Amino acid sequence: MNRVGFIASSLLVLLALLSSMLFVVDQRQFGVLYALGQIKEVITEPGLNFKLPPPFQNVSYIDKRLLTLDSVDTEPMLTAEKQRVVIDWYVRWRITDPQAYIRNVGLDENAGANQLNRVVRNAFQEEINKRTVKDLLSLKREALMADVKREVLEVVKGAKPWGVDVVDVRITRADYVDAITESVYRRMEAERKRVANELRSTGGAEGEKIRADADRQREVAVANAYRDAQKIKGEGDAEAARIYAEAFGRDPQFAQFYRSLEAYKASFNKKSDVMVVDPSSEFFKAMRGSGAAAAAPKK
């Protein structure tokens, strides 16, 4: 029984020793093999590898993918005309030489990101000091980013290479500081209100002009229509008078009688009408003549 336990214990120790001597390098990583604290080998190809058990040899991993570093600093920078601006940027970079990276930068990606952030910010500050706000917002922004990338590469590939490559540097936002931005917005708002008020005033004046012109045209049209109507009415009255005169001229006595009948008709228009007149007046001449004519045969 003791022999079985010894064999089982030996197998477990052997398996533990064997597992400490095997390691796998992922295709997304570099494998860095250390021997007594010194870099012995950098493994760039993925697969299963062997090493001595700790503490004789140890292995660490470094990402070899394309990494992104975003700006986290919101401190303003000064332009050539001394305007305070805040920019957001990002850098695409990768580790190309793990040995140089570990010796000159650090043991992991965070160490490189921290140092690269400082270098990129200094490069941006230097280049923005040479340019105006207009340059940051125009096509010259491309030249600015190219110059920053060049300066960063000069640092990371200088006397002590970092073992990294900077692929791209980009500005994602360029803006004034909050106080200036608020002032700019207030000026823009005031300018828009001024333009709106000017347009409303111009529109009101134009509307009054159109209404006045319409009123004038209406008055002219009404006056012309009234003039034409009076002219036509006058011509009609003249024609009616001519026809009356012509008709009444043929038989004056009948005309006088007809006019008297019209007058009676207008005077005794309603049953409730009461008139107090002198029967001997000229108004009843036609009636008296009619009565005399009716009485004559009885004699």
C-alpha atoms as a PDB file:
ATOM      1  CA  MET A   1       0.000   0.000   0.000  1.00  0.00           C
ATOM      2  CA  ASN A   2       2.900   2.286   0.812  1.00  0.00           C
ATOM      3  CA  ARG A   3       4.416   1.412  -2.517  1.00  0.00           C
ATOM      4  CA  VAL A   4       1.227   2.419  -4.387  1.00  0.00           C
ATOM      5  CA  GLY A   5       1.126   5.705  -2.524  1.00  0.00           C
ATOM      6  CA  PHE A   6       4.764   6.359  -3.302  1.00  0.00           C
ATOM      7  CA  ILE A   7       4.193   5.695  -7.000  1.00  0.00           C
ATOM      8  CA  ALA A   8       1.132   7.958  -7.072  1.00  0.00           C
ATOM      9  CA  SER A   9       2.988  10.718  -5.278  1.00  0.00           C
ATOM     10  CA  SER A  10       5.902  10.373  -7.665  1.00  0.00           C
ATOM     11  CA  LEU A  11       3.589  10.607 -10.651  1.00  0.00           C
ATOM     12  CA  LEU A  12       1.968  13.748  -9.284  1.00  0.00           C
ATOM     13  CA  VAL A  13       5.349  15.359  -8.675  1.00  0.00           C
ATOM     14  CA  LEU A  14       6.459  14.369 -12.142  1.00  0.00           C
ATOM     15  CA  LEU A  15       3.322  15.817 -13.709  1.00  0.00           C
ATOM     16  CA  ALA A  16       3.725  19.052 -11.759  1.00  0.00           C
ATOM     17  CA  LEU A  17       7.369  19.281 -12.817  1.00  0.00           C
ATOM     18  CA  LEU A  18       6.471  18.539 -16.419  1.00  0.00           C
ATOM     19  CA  SER A  19       3.684  21.169 -16.423  1.00  0.00           C
ATOM     20  CA  SER A  20       6.132  23.758 -15.070  1.00  0.00           C
ATOM     21  CA  MET A  21       8.472  22.966 -17.985  1.00  0.00           C
ATOM     22  CA  LEU A  22       5.795  23.359 -20.684  1.00  0.00           C
ATOM     23  CA  PHE A  23       4.265  26.637 -21.814  1.00  0.00           C
ATOM     24  CA  VAL A  24       2.151  27.758 -24.755  1.00  0.00           C
ATOM     25  CA  VAL A  25       2.726  30.958 -26.707  1.00  0.00           C
ATOM     26  CA  ASP A  26      -0.463  32.402 -28.196  1.00  0.00           C
ATOM     27  CA  GLN A  27      -0.383  33.816 -31.698  1.00  0.00           C
ATOM     28  CA  ARG A  28      -1.310  37.237 -30.241  1.00  0.00           C
ATOM     29  CA  GLN A  29       1.685  37.313 -27.870  1.00  0.00           C
ATOM     30  CA  PHE A  30       5.432  37.260 -27.578  1.00  0.00           C
ATOM     31  CA  GLY A  31       6.862  34.741 -25.127  1.00  0.00           C
ATOM     32  CA  VAL A  32       9.862  36.066 -23.194  1.00  0.00           C
ATOM     33  CA  LEU A  33      11.965  33.365 -21.547  1.00  0.00           C
ATOM     34  CA  TYR A  34      14.054  34.433 -18.511  1.00  0.00           C
ATOM     35  CA  ALA A  35      17.004  32.485 -17.084  1.00  0.00           C
ATOM     36  CA  LEU A  36      17.889  33.586 -13.558  1.00  0.00           C
ATOM     37  CA  GLY A  37      16.333  37.015 -14.213  1.00  0.00           C
ATOM     38  CA  GLN A  38      18.015  37.594 -17.583  1.00  0.00           C
ATOM     39  CA  ILE A  39      16.274  37.429 -20.978  1.00  0.00           C
ATOM     40  CA  LYS A  40      17.421  34.247 -22.640  1.00  0.00           C
ATOM     41  CA  GLU A  41      15.046  34.027 -25.597  1.00  0.00           C
ATOM     42  CA  VAL A  42      12.093  35.743 -27.217  1.00  0.00           C
ATOM     43  CA  ILE A  43       9.618  33.356 -28.806  1.00  0.00           C
ATOM     44  CA  THR A  44       7.667  34.954 -31.637  1.00  0.00           C
ATOM     45  CA  GLU A  45       5.989  31.892 -33.139  1.00  0.00           C
ATOM     46  CA  PRO A  46       2.891  30.391 -31.518  1.00  0.00           C
ATOM     47  CA  GLY A  47       2.983  26.842 -30.181  1.00  0.00           C
ATOM     48  CA  LEU A  48       4.094  24.561 -27.353  1.00  0.00           C
ATOM     49  CA  ASN A  49       7.563  25.213 -25.870  1.00  0.00           C
ATOM     50  CA  PHE A  50       9.835  23.795 -23.174  1.00  0.00           C
ATOM     51  CA  LYS A  51      11.843  25.446 -20.392  1.00  0.00           C
ATOM     52  CA  LEU A  52      13.546  24.585 -17.155  1.00  0.00           C
ATOM     53  CA  PRO A  53      11.369  24.623 -14.077  1.00  0.00           C
ATOM     54  CA  PRO A  54      11.366  27.693 -11.814  1.00  0.00           C
ATOM     55  CA  PRO A  55      13.427  29.281 -10.447  1.00  0.00           C
ATOM     56  CA  PHE A  56      15.882  28.397 -13.186  1.00  0.00           C
ATOM     57  CA  GLN A  57      13.706  29.690 -16.000  1.00  0.00           C
ATOM     58  CA  ASN A  58      10.481  31.732 -16.100  1.00  0.00           C
ATOM     59  CA  VAL A  59       8.314  32.999 -18.930  1.00  0.00           C
ATOM     60  CA  SER A  60       6.257  36.169 -19.377  1.00  0.00           C
ATOM     61  CA  TYR A  61       4.041  37.360 -22.198  1.00  0.00           C
ATOM     62  CA  ILE A  62       3.799  40.646 -24.081  1.00  0.00           C
ATOM     63  CA  ASP A  63       1.002  41.558 -26.475  1.00  0.00           C
ATOM     64  CA  LYS A  64       2.163  41.890 -30.063  1.00  0.00           C
ATOM     65  CA  ARG A  65      -1.157  43.095 -31.482  1.00  0.00           C
ATOM     66  CA  LEU A  66      -1.840  46.632 -32.665  1.00  0.00           C
ATOM     67  CA  LEU A  67      -2.647  48.626 -29.516  1.00  0.00           C
ATOM     68  CA  THR A  68      -4.625  51.842 -29.107  1.00  0.00           C
ATOM     69  CA  LEU A  69      -3.684  54.607 -26.714  1.00  0.00           C
ATOM     70  CA  ASP A  70      -6.407  57.223 -26.084  1.00  0.00           C
ATOM     71  CA  SER A  71      -5.683  60.600 -24.549  1.00  0.00           C
ATOM     72  CA  VAL A  72      -6.808  61.013 -20.955  1.00  0.00           C
ATOM     73  CA  ASP A  73      -5.342  64.455 -20.246  1.00  0.00           C
ATOM     74  CA  THR A  74      -7.743  67.399 -20.486  1.00  0.00           C
ATOM     75  CA  GLU A  75      -5.176  70.115 -19.817  1.00  0.00           C
ATOM     76  CA  PRO A  76      -5.492  72.918 -22.403  1.00  0.00           C
ATOM     77  CA  MET A  77      -2.741  73.739 -24.883  1.00  0.00           C
ATOM     78  CA  LEU A  78      -1.800  77.154 -26.277  1.00  0.00           C
ATOM     79  CA  THR A  79      -1.952  77.877 -29.993  1.00  0.00           C
ATOM     80  CA  ALA A  80       0.220  80.341 -31.904  1.00  0.00           C
ATOM     81  CA  GLU A  81      -2.274  83.146 -31.168  1.00  0.00           C
ATOM     82  CA  LYS A  82      -2.337  82.171 -27.455  1.00  0.00           C
ATOM     83  CA  GLN A  83      -5.753  80.561 -27.569  1.00  0.00           C
ATOM     84  CA  ARG A  84      -6.379  77.793 -25.035  1.00  0.00           C
ATOM     85  CA  VAL A  85      -7.643  74.639 -26.741  1.00  0.00           C
ATOM     86  CA  VAL A  86      -8.337  71.085 -25.630  1.00  0.00           C
ATOM     87  CA  ILE A  87      -7.684  68.221 -28.013  1.00  0.00           C
ATOM     88  CA  ASP A  88      -8.518  64.522 -27.911  1.00  0.00           C
ATOM     89  CA  TRP A  89      -6.244  62.145 -29.755  1.00  0.00           C
ATOM     90  CA  TYR A  90      -5.356  58.493 -30.088  1.00  0.00           C
ATOM     91  CA  VAL A  91      -2.239  56.566 -31.129  1.00  0.00           C
ATOM     92  CA  ARG A  92      -2.036  53.151 -32.771  1.00  0.00           C
ATOM     93  CA  TRP A  93       1.170  51.383 -31.771  1.00  0.00           C
ATOM     94  CA  ARG A  94       2.685  47.920 -31.341  1.00  0.00           C
ATOM     95  CA  ILE A  95       5.653  46.282 -29.668  1.00  0.00           C
ATOM     96  CA  THR A  96       8.158  45.044 -32.265  1.00  0.00           C
ATOM     97  CA  ASP A  97      11.261  44.206 -30.174  1.00  0.00           C
ATOM     98  CA  PRO A  98      10.362  42.704 -26.783  1.00  0.00           C
ATOM     99  CA  GLN A  99      13.977  42.691 -25.526  1.00  0.00           C
ATOM    100  CA  ALA A 100      14.510  46.407 -26.220  1.00  0.00           C
ATOM    101  CA  TYR A 101      11.049  47.146 -24.845  1.00  0.00           C
ATOM    102  CA  ILE A 102      11.688  45.342 -21.544  1.00  0.00           C
ATOM    103  CA  ARG A 103      15.134  46.905 -21.090  1.00  0.00           C
ATOM    104  CA  ASN A 104      14.164  50.488 -21.916  1.00  0.00           C
ATOM    105  CA  VAL A 105      10.436  50.757 -21.167  1.00  0.00           C
ATOM    106  CA  GLY A 106       8.954  48.141 -18.844  1.00  0.00           C
ATOM    107  CA  LEU A 107       7.639  44.649 -18.393  1.00  0.00           C
ATOM    108  CA  ASP A 108       4.086  45.145 -19.717  1.00  0.00           C
ATOM    109  CA  GLU A 109       2.036  47.218 -22.133  1.00  0.00           C
ATOM    110  CA  ASN A 110       0.885  49.694 -19.478  1.00  0.00           C
ATOM    111  CA  ALA A 111       4.442  50.901 -18.941  1.00  0.00           C
ATOM    112  CA  GLY A 112       4.808  51.688 -22.632  1.00  0.00           C
ATOM    113  CA  ALA A 113       1.372  53.330 -22.790  1.00  0.00           C
ATOM    114  CA  ASN A 114       2.223  55.648 -19.886  1.00  0.00           C
ATOM    115  CA  GLN A 115       5.532  56.772 -21.372  1.00  0.00           C
ATOM    116  CA  LEU A 116       4.086  57.035 -24.871  1.00  0.00           C
ATOM    117  CA  ASN A 117       1.243  59.213 -23.548  1.00  0.00           C
ATOM    118  CA  ARG A 118       3.785  61.706 -22.166  1.00  0.00           C
ATOM    119  CA  VAL A 119       5.802  61.786 -25.404  1.00  0.00           C
ATOM    120  CA  VAL A 120       2.729  62.228 -27.615  1.00  0.00           C
ATOM    121  CA  ARG A 121       1.337  65.026 -25.445  1.00  0.00           C
ATOM    122  CA  ASN A 122       4.662  66.903 -25.518  1.00  0.00           C
ATOM    123  CA  ALA A 123       4.801  66.531 -29.295  1.00  0.00           C
ATOM    124  CA  PHE A 124       1.261  67.839 -29.665  1.00  0.00           C
ATOM    125  CA  GLN A 125       2.015  70.796 -27.392  1.00  0.00           C
ATOM    126  CA  GLU A 126       5.102  71.695 -29.425  1.00  0.00           C
ATOM    127  CA  GLU A 127       3.309  71.477 -32.756  1.00  0.00           C
ATOM    128  CA  ILE A 128       0.135  73.262 -31.629  1.00  0.00           C
ATOM    129  CA  ASN A 129       2.271  76.146 -30.341  1.00  0.00           C
ATOM    130  CA  LYS A 130       3.320  76.715 -33.960  1.00  0.00           C
ATOM    131  CA  ARG A 131      -0.206  76.690 -35.390  1.00  0.00           C
ATOM    132  CA  THR A 132      -3.420  78.672 -35.166  1.00  0.00           C
ATOM    133  CA  VAL A 133      -6.902  77.463 -34.314  1.00  0.00           C
ATOM    134  CA  LYS A 134      -7.787  77.739 -37.993  1.00  0.00           C
ATOM    135  CA  ASP A 135      -4.997  75.287 -38.810  1.00  0.00           C
ATOM    136  CA  LEU A 136      -6.451  72.800 -36.324  1.00  0.00           C
ATOM    137  CA  LEU A 137      -9.840  72.955 -38.039  1.00  0.00           C
ATOM    138  CA  SER A 138      -8.630  72.962 -41.653  1.00  0.00           C
ATOM    139  CA  LEU A 139      -6.797  70.571 -43.943  1.00  0.00           C
ATOM    140  CA  LYS A 140      -3.541  71.512 -42.193  1.00  0.00           C
ATOM    141  CA  ARG A 141      -4.586  69.174 -39.399  1.00  0.00           C
ATOM    142  CA  GLU A 142      -3.161  66.286 -41.449  1.00  0.00           C
ATOM    143  CA  ALA A 143       0.239  67.979 -41.536  1.00  0.00           C
ATOM    144  CA  LEU A 144       0.035  68.509 -37.765  1.00  0.00           C
ATOM    145  CA  MET A 145      -0.635  64.826 -37.101  1.00  0.00           C
ATOM    146  CA  ALA A 146       2.156  63.795 -39.469  1.00  0.00           C
ATOM    147  CA  ASP A 147       4.623  66.075 -37.649  1.00  0.00           C
ATOM    148  CA  VAL A 148       3.562  64.700 -34.268  1.00  0.00           C
ATOM    149  CA  LYS A 149       4.031  61.147 -35.499  1.00  0.00           C
ATOM    150  CA  ARG A 150       7.488  62.021 -36.812  1.00  0.00           C
ATOM    151  CA  GLU A 151       8.534  63.548 -33.483  1.00  0.00           C
ATOM    152  CA  VAL A 152       7.214  60.563 -31.522  1.00  0.00           C
ATOM    153  CA  LEU A 153       9.094  58.132 -33.782  1.00  0.00           C
ATOM    154  CA  GLU A 154      12.292  60.130 -33.281  1.00  0.00           C
ATOM    155  CA  VAL A 155      11.947  59.615 -29.530  1.00  0.00           C
ATOM    156  CA  VAL A 156      10.989  55.919 -29.524  1.00  0.00           C
ATOM    157  CA  LYS A 157      13.657  55.049 -32.105  1.00  0.00           C
ATOM    158  CA  GLY A 158      16.353  57.300 -30.646  1.00  0.00           C
ATOM    159  CA  ALA A 159      19.581  56.461 -28.799  1.00  0.00           C
ATOM    160  CA  LYS A 160      17.710  53.961 -26.605  1.00  0.00           C
ATOM    161  CA  PRO A 161      15.073  52.387 -28.845  1.00  0.00           C
ATOM    162  CA  TRP A 162      11.858  51.454 -27.132  1.00  0.00           C
ATOM    163  CA  GLY A 163      11.285  48.460 -29.356  1.00  0.00           C
ATOM    164  CA  VAL A 164       7.908  49.835 -30.486  1.00  0.00           C
ATOM    165  CA  ASP A 165       6.467  51.163 -33.725  1.00  0.00           C
ATOM    166  CA  VAL A 166       3.972  54.032 -33.914  1.00  0.00           C
ATOM    167  CA  VAL A 167       1.565  53.271 -36.759  1.00  0.00           C
ATOM    168  CA  ASP A 168      -0.751  56.269 -36.634  1.00  0.00           C
ATOM    169  CA  VAL A 169      -1.513  59.435 -34.671  1.00  0.00           C
ATOM    170  CA  ARG A 170      -4.956  61.028 -34.978  1.00  0.00           C
ATOM    171  CA  ILE A 171      -6.853  63.990 -33.518  1.00  0.00           C
ATOM    172  CA  THR A 172     -10.462  63.140 -32.721  1.00  0.00           C
ATOM    173  CA  ARG A 173     -11.548  66.517 -31.322  1.00  0.00           C
ATOM    174  CA  ALA A 174     -10.186  70.048 -31.109  1.00  0.00           C
ATOM    175  CA  ASP A 175     -12.153  72.556 -29.077  1.00  0.00           C
ATOM    176  CA  TYR A 176     -11.815  75.650 -26.936  1.00  0.00           C
ATOM    177  CA  VAL A 177     -11.767  75.346 -23.178  1.00  0.00           C
ATOM    178  CA  ASP A 178     -15.197  75.435 -21.531  1.00  0.00           C
ATOM    179  CA  ALA A 179     -15.086  79.122 -20.606  1.00  0.00           C
ATOM    180  CA  ILE A 180     -14.181  80.214 -24.133  1.00  0.00           C
ATOM    181  CA  THR A 181     -16.632  77.753 -25.670  1.00  0.00           C
ATOM    182  CA  GLU A 182     -19.463  79.192 -23.578  1.00  0.00           C
ATOM    183  CA  SER A 183     -18.468  82.723 -24.613  1.00  0.00           C
ATOM    184  CA  VAL A 184     -18.352  81.694 -28.269  1.00  0.00           C
ATOM    185  CA  TYR A 185     -21.788  80.083 -27.991  1.00  0.00           C
ATOM    186  CA  ARG A 186     -23.192  83.243 -26.387  1.00  0.00           C
ATOM    187  CA  ARG A 187     -21.759  85.387 -29.201  1.00  0.00           C
ATOM    188  CA  MET A 188     -23.115  82.992 -31.800  1.00  0.00           C
ATOM    189  CA  GLU A 189     -26.524  83.057 -30.119  1.00  0.00           C
ATOM    190  CA  ALA A 190     -26.513  86.870 -29.988  1.00  0.00           C
ATOM    191  CA  GLU A 191     -25.491  87.053 -33.649  1.00  0.00           C
ATOM    192  CA  ARG A 192     -28.231  84.620 -34.672  1.00  0.00           C
ATOM    193  CA  LYS A 193     -30.796  86.616 -32.694  1.00  0.00           C
ATOM    194  CA  ARG A 194     -29.609  89.836 -34.343  1.00  0.00           C
ATOM    195  CA  VAL A 195     -29.932  88.297 -37.792  1.00  0.00           C
ATOM    196  CA  ALA A 196     -33.366  86.880 -36.896  1.00  0.00           C
ATOM    197  CA  ASN A 197     -34.573  90.271 -35.635  1.00  0.00           C
ATOM    198  CA  GLU A 198     -33.222  91.940 -38.754  1.00  0.00           C
ATOM    199  CA  LEU A 199     -35.009  89.438 -40.958  1.00  0.00           C
ATOM    200  CA  ARG A 200     -38.229  89.897 -38.990  1.00  0.00           C
ATOM    201  CA  SER A 201     -37.952  93.694 -39.299  1.00  0.00           C
ATOM    202  CA  THR A 202     -37.244  93.450 -43.005  1.00  0.00           C
ATOM    203  CA  GLY A 203     -40.141  91.034 -43.427  1.00  0.00           C
ATOM    204  CA  GLY A 204     -42.474  93.314 -41.425  1.00  0.00           C
ATOM    205  CA  ALA A 205     -41.497  96.338 -43.528  1.00  0.00           C
ATOM    206  CA  GLU A 206     -41.939  94.370 -46.709  1.00  0.00           C
ATOM    207  CA  GLY A 207     -45.314  93.129 -45.479  1.00  0.00           C
ATOM    208  CA  GLU A 208     -46.460  96.691 -44.714  1.00  0.00           C
ATOM    209  CA  LYS A 209     -45.284  97.757 -48.147  1.00  0.00           C
ATOM    210  CA  ILE A 210     -47.212  94.942 -49.813  1.00  0.00           C
ATOM    211  CA  ARG A 211     -50.332  95.660 -47.744  1.00  0.00           C
ATOM    212  CA  ALA A 212     -50.126  99.392 -48.549  1.00  0.00           C
ATOM    213  CA  ASP A 213     -49.730  98.639 -52.232  1.00  0.00           C
ATOM    214  CA  ALA A 214     -52.662  96.214 -52.097  1.00  0.00           C
ATOM    215  CA  ASP A 215     -54.823  98.818 -50.324  1.00  0.00           C
ATOM    216  CA  ARG A 216     -53.854 101.425 -52.904  1.00  0.00           C
ATOM    217  CA  GLN A 217     -54.716  99.069 -55.750  1.00  0.00           C
ATOM    218  CA  ARG A 218     -58.012  98.219 -54.055  1.00  0.00           C
ATOM    219  CA  GLU A 219     -58.890 101.920 -53.664  1.00  0.00           C
ATOM    220  CA  VAL A 220     -57.948 102.581 -57.260  1.00  0.00           C
ATOM    221  CA  ALA A 221     -59.986  99.610 -58.446  1.00  0.00           C
ATOM    222  CA  VAL A 222     -63.016 100.667 -56.350  1.00  0.00           C
ATOM    223  CA  ALA A 223     -62.730 104.284 -57.555  1.00  0.00           C
ATOM    224  CA  ASN A 224     -62.453 103.191 -61.176  1.00  0.00           C
ATOM    225  CA  ALA A 225     -65.389 100.827 -60.746  1.00  0.00           C
ATOM    226  CA  TYR A 226     -67.476 103.576 -59.090  1.00  0.00           C
ATOM    227  CA  ARG A 227     -66.537 106.005 -61.835  1.00  0.00           C
ATOM    228  CA  ASP A 228     -67.465 103.499 -64.527  1.00  0.00           C
ATOM    229  CA  ALA A 229     -70.707 102.650 -62.678  1.00  0.00           C
ATOM    230  CA  GLN A 230     -71.676 106.332 -62.399  1.00  0.00           C
ATOM    231  CA  LYS A 231     -70.831 106.841 -66.020  1.00  0.00           C
ATOM    232  CA  ILE A 232     -72.968 103.901 -67.059  1.00  0.00           C
ATOM    233  CA  LYS A 233     -75.725 104.971 -64.704  1.00  0.00           C
ATOM    234  CA  GLY A 234     -75.644 108.493 -66.086  1.00  0.00           C
ATOM    235  CA  GLU A 235     -75.755 107.179 -69.609  1.00  0.00           C
ATOM    236  CA  GLY A 236     -78.679 104.919 -68.626  1.00  0.00           C
ATOM    237  CA  ASP A 237     -80.515 107.794 -66.955  1.00  0.00           C
ATOM    238  CA  ALA A 238     -79.919 109.969 -69.986  1.00  0.00           C
ATOM    239  CA  GLU A 239     -81.169 107.237 -72.274  1.00  0.00           C
ATOM    240  CA  ALA A 240     -84.173 106.640 -70.009  1.00  0.00           C
ATOM    241  CA  ALA A 241     -84.931 110.374 -69.949  1.00  0.00           C
ATOM    242  CA  ARG A 242     -84.650 110.495 -73.729  1.00  0.00           C
ATOM    243  CA  ILE A 243     -87.006 107.534 -74.100  1.00  0.00           C
ATOM    244  CA  TYR A 244     -89.465 109.049 -71.563  1.00  0.00           C
ATOM    245  CA  ALA A 245     -89.339 112.386 -73.338  1.00  0.00           C
ATOM    246  CA  GLU A 246     -89.845 110.764 -76.706  1.00  0.00           C
ATOM    247  CA  ALA A 247     -92.702 108.610 -75.423  1.00  0.00           C
ATOM    248  CA  PHE A 248     -94.379 111.384 -73.440  1.00  0.00           C
ATOM    249  CA  GLY A 249     -93.961 113.827 -76.309  1.00  0.00           C
ATOM    250  CA  ARG A 250     -96.282 111.767 -78.477  1.00  0.00           C
ATOM    251  CA  ASP A 251     -99.223 112.202 -76.024  1.00  0.00           C
ATOM    252  CA  PRO A 252     -98.597 114.798 -73.278  1.00  0.00           C
ATOM    253  CA  GLN A 253    -102.051 114.323 -71.666  1.00  0.00           C
ATOM    254  CA  PHE A 254    -101.527 110.594 -71.331  1.00  0.00           C
ATOM    255  CA  ALA A 255     -98.066 111.184 -69.979  1.00  0.00           C
ATOM    256  CA  GLN A 256     -99.440 113.554 -67.354  1.00  0.00           C
ATOM    257  CA  PHE A 257    -102.111 111.020 -66.433  1.00  0.00           C
ATOM    258  CA  TYR A 258     -99.577 108.183 -66.188  1.00  0.00           C
ATOM    259  CA  ARG A 259     -97.317 110.195 -63.918  1.00  0.00           C
ATOM    260  CA  SER A 260    -100.258 111.045 -61.671  1.00  0.00           C
ATOM    261  CA  LEU A 261    -101.112 107.366 -61.363  1.00  0.00           C
ATOM    262  CA  GLU A 262     -97.539 106.590 -60.438  1.00  0.00           C
ATOM    263  CA  ALA A 263     -97.639 109.306 -57.790  1.00  0.00           C
ATOM    264  CA  TYR A 264    -100.920 107.947 -56.369  1.00  0.00           C
ATOM    265  CA  LYS A 265     -99.474 104.473 -56.305  1.00  0.00           C
ATOM    266  CA  ALA A 266     -96.404 105.649 -54.397  1.00  0.00           C
ATOM    267  CA  SER A 267     -98.480 107.757 -51.974  1.00  0.00           C
ATOM    268  CA  PHE A 268    -101.124 105.142 -51.121  1.00  0.00           C
ATOM    269  CA  ASN A 269     -98.694 102.354 -50.871  1.00  0.00           C
ATOM    270  CA  LYS A 270    -100.155 100.840 -47.651  1.00  0.00           C
ATOM    271  CA  LYS A 271    -103.663 100.508 -46.298  1.00  0.00           C
ATOM    272  CA  SER A 272    -102.614 102.197 -43.089  1.00  0.00           C
ATOM    273  CA  ASP A 273    -101.306 105.300 -44.867  1.00  0.00           C
ATOM    274  CA  VAL A 274    -103.279 108.487 -44.040  1.00  0.00           C
ATOM    275  CA  MET A 275    -102.895 111.721 -45.973  1.00  0.00           C
ATOM    276  CA  VAL A 276    -104.462 115.110 -45.230  1.00  0.00           C
ATOM    277  CA  VAL A 277    -104.469 117.146 -48.440  1.00  0.00           C
ATOM    278  CA  ASP A 278    -106.508 119.791 -50.123  1.00  0.00           C
ATOM    279  CA  PRO A 279    -108.810 118.135 -52.713  1.00  0.00           C
ATOM    280  CA  SER A 280    -108.552 121.222 -54.879  1.00  0.00           C
ATOM    281  CA  SER A 281    -104.752 120.848 -55.156  1.00  0.00           C
ATOM    282  CA  GLU A 282    -103.032 119.927 -58.381  1.00  0.00           C
ATOM    283  CA  PHE A 283    -102.177 116.487 -56.897  1.00  0.00           C
ATOM    284  CA  PHE A 284    -105.844 115.340 -57.403  1.00  0.00           C
ATOM    285  CA  LYS A 285    -106.267 116.900 -60.810  1.00  0.00           C
ATOM    286  CA  ALA A 286    -106.341 113.528 -62.531  1.00  0.00           C
ATOM    287  CA  MET A 287    -109.029 112.269 -60.130  1.00  0.00           C
ATOM    288  CA  ARG A 288    -111.165 115.297 -60.591  1.00  0.00           C
ATOM    289  CA  GLY A 289    -110.915 115.015 -64.349  1.00  0.00           C
ATOM    290  CA  SER A 290    -111.888 111.355 -64.148  1.00  0.00           C
ATOM    291  CA  GLY A 291    -114.902 112.152 -61.925  1.00  0.00           C
ATOM    292  CA  ALA A 292    -116.089 114.908 -64.217  1.00  0.00           C
ATOM    293  CA  ALA A 293    -115.772 112.655 -67.174  1.00  0.00           C
ATOM    294  CA  ALA A 294    -117.849 109.967 -65.436  1.00  0.00           C
ATOM    295  CA  ALA A 295    -120.571 112.450 -64.380  1.00  0.00           C
ATOM    296  CA  ALA A 296    -121.021 114.029 -67.786  1.00  0.00           C
ATOM    297  CA  PRO A 297    -123.130 111.244 -69.411  1.00  0.00           C
ATOM    298  CA  LYS A 298    -125.685 111.373 -66.528  1.00  0.00           C
ATOM    299  CA  LYS A 299    -126.573 114.933 -67.429  1.00  0.00           C
END
